[in-house]
Amino acid sequence: MNDTLPHIQKRYEEILMALPWSERLRMGTEMFDSGLALLQIGLPKDLNNKEKELEIFKRMYQHDFTPDKLEMWLKKYKDYLDSTE
């Protein structure tokens, strides 16, 4: 959904792009960290660390892949996590 008027969107982008790249990077990482914290709050409490990692991956990327591709990547990530124990 996009309910922002085009001239407002253009001005917003101009303001953001006028910031130094380091400030834009800081803002982006803070937003990512905030989103991750909110995601972690919603996880079931009984998951172990590996299950938490897999659930976070699934929730973050579920809309970026088809269901079969998501399952493939979840399996690869699980195999990786298993190999680092």
Protein backbone atom coordinates (compact mmCIF):
# COMPACT_ATOMS: atom_id res chain seq x y z
CA MET A 1 0.00 0.00 0.00
CA ASN A 2 1.25 3.46 -0.82
CA ASP A 3 -0.88 6.33 0.45
CA THR A 4 1.84 8.99 0.25
CA LEU A 5 1.40 11.73 -2.29
CA PRO A 6 4.16 11.68 -4.93
CA HIS A 7 5.47 15.17 -4.14
CA ILE A 8 5.64 14.32 -0.42
CA GLN A 9 7.48 11.07 -1.18
CA LYS A 10 9.94 12.96 -3.39
CA ARG A 11 10.62 15.53 -0.65
CA TYR A 12 11.08 12.80 1.96
CA GLU A 13 13.64 11.06 -0.26
CA GLU A 14 15.46 14.37 -0.83
CA ILE A 15 15.68 14.94 2.93
CA LEU A 16 17.00 11.42 3.55
CA MET A 17 19.52 11.58 0.73
CA ALA A 18 20.82 14.91 2.05
CA LEU A 19 21.96 13.15 5.22
CA PRO A 20 25.51 11.80 5.36
CA TRP A 21 25.74 8.12 4.40
CA SER A 22 26.92 7.26 7.93
CA GLU A 23 23.74 8.75 9.38
CA ARG A 24 21.56 6.83 6.91
CA LEU A 25 23.43 3.64 7.80
CA ARG A 26 22.94 4.29 11.52
CA MET A 27 19.23 4.88 11.01
CA GLY A 28 18.89 1.69 8.98
CA THR A 29 20.71 -0.46 11.51
CA GLU A 30 18.64 0.99 14.35
CA MET A 31 15.44 0.16 12.47
CA PHE A 32 16.68 -3.38 11.80
CA ASP A 33 17.62 -3.85 15.47
CA SER A 34 14.23 -2.56 16.60
CA GLY A 35 12.40 -4.87 14.22
CA LEU A 36 14.48 -7.83 15.36
CA ALA A 37 13.76 -7.05 19.01
CA LEU A 38 10.02 -6.91 18.30
CA LEU A 39 10.22 -10.18 16.40
CA GLN A 40 12.08 -11.87 19.28
CA ILE A 41 9.47 -10.72 21.80
CA GLY A 42 6.83 -12.64 19.85
CA LEU A 43 8.70 -15.95 19.84
CA PRO A 44 7.38 -18.84 21.91
CA LYS A 45 9.24 -19.02 25.22
CA ASP A 46 9.97 -22.77 25.04
CA LEU A 47 12.28 -22.65 21.98
CA ASN A 48 15.95 -23.50 22.31
CA ASN A 49 18.57 -21.22 20.68
CA LYS A 50 18.67 -23.13 17.38
CA GLU A 51 14.87 -23.16 17.13
CA LYS A 52 14.81 -19.42 17.85
CA GLU A 53 17.34 -18.75 15.07
CA LEU A 54 15.31 -20.81 12.60
CA GLU A 55 12.03 -19.15 13.59
CA ILE A 56 13.58 -15.69 13.26
CA PHE A 57 14.89 -16.61 9.79
CA LYS A 58 11.47 -17.95 8.80
CA ARG A 59 9.61 -14.87 10.01
CA MET A 60 12.07 -12.44 8.42
CA TYR A 61 12.21 -14.09 5.01
CA GLN A 62 8.88 -15.89 4.61
CA HIS A 63 7.61 -13.31 2.12
CA ASP A 64 10.82 -13.28 0.07
CA PHE A 65 10.65 -16.90 -1.07
CA THR A 66 8.10 -19.36 -2.34
CA PRO A 67 7.14 -21.89 0.36
CA ASP A 68 9.33 -24.63 -1.17
CA LYS A 69 12.35 -22.30 -1.47
CA LEU A 70 11.84 -21.09 2.09
CA GLU A 71 11.87 -24.70 3.31
CA MET A 72 15.03 -25.36 1.29
CA TRP A 73 16.79 -22.35 2.89
CA LEU A 74 15.53 -23.27 6.36
CA LYS A 75 17.02 -26.75 5.91
CA LYS A 76 20.33 -25.29 4.74
CA TYR A 77 20.38 -22.90 7.70
CA LYS A 78 19.52 -25.73 10.11
CA ASP A 79 22.35 -27.82 8.64
CA TYR A 80 24.70 -24.87 9.11
CA LEU A 81 23.59 -24.37 12.72
CA ASP A 82 24.05 -28.10 13.36
CA SER A 83 27.57 -27.94 11.95
CA THR A 84 28.60 -25.14 14.31
CA GLU A 85 27.70 -26.98 17.51
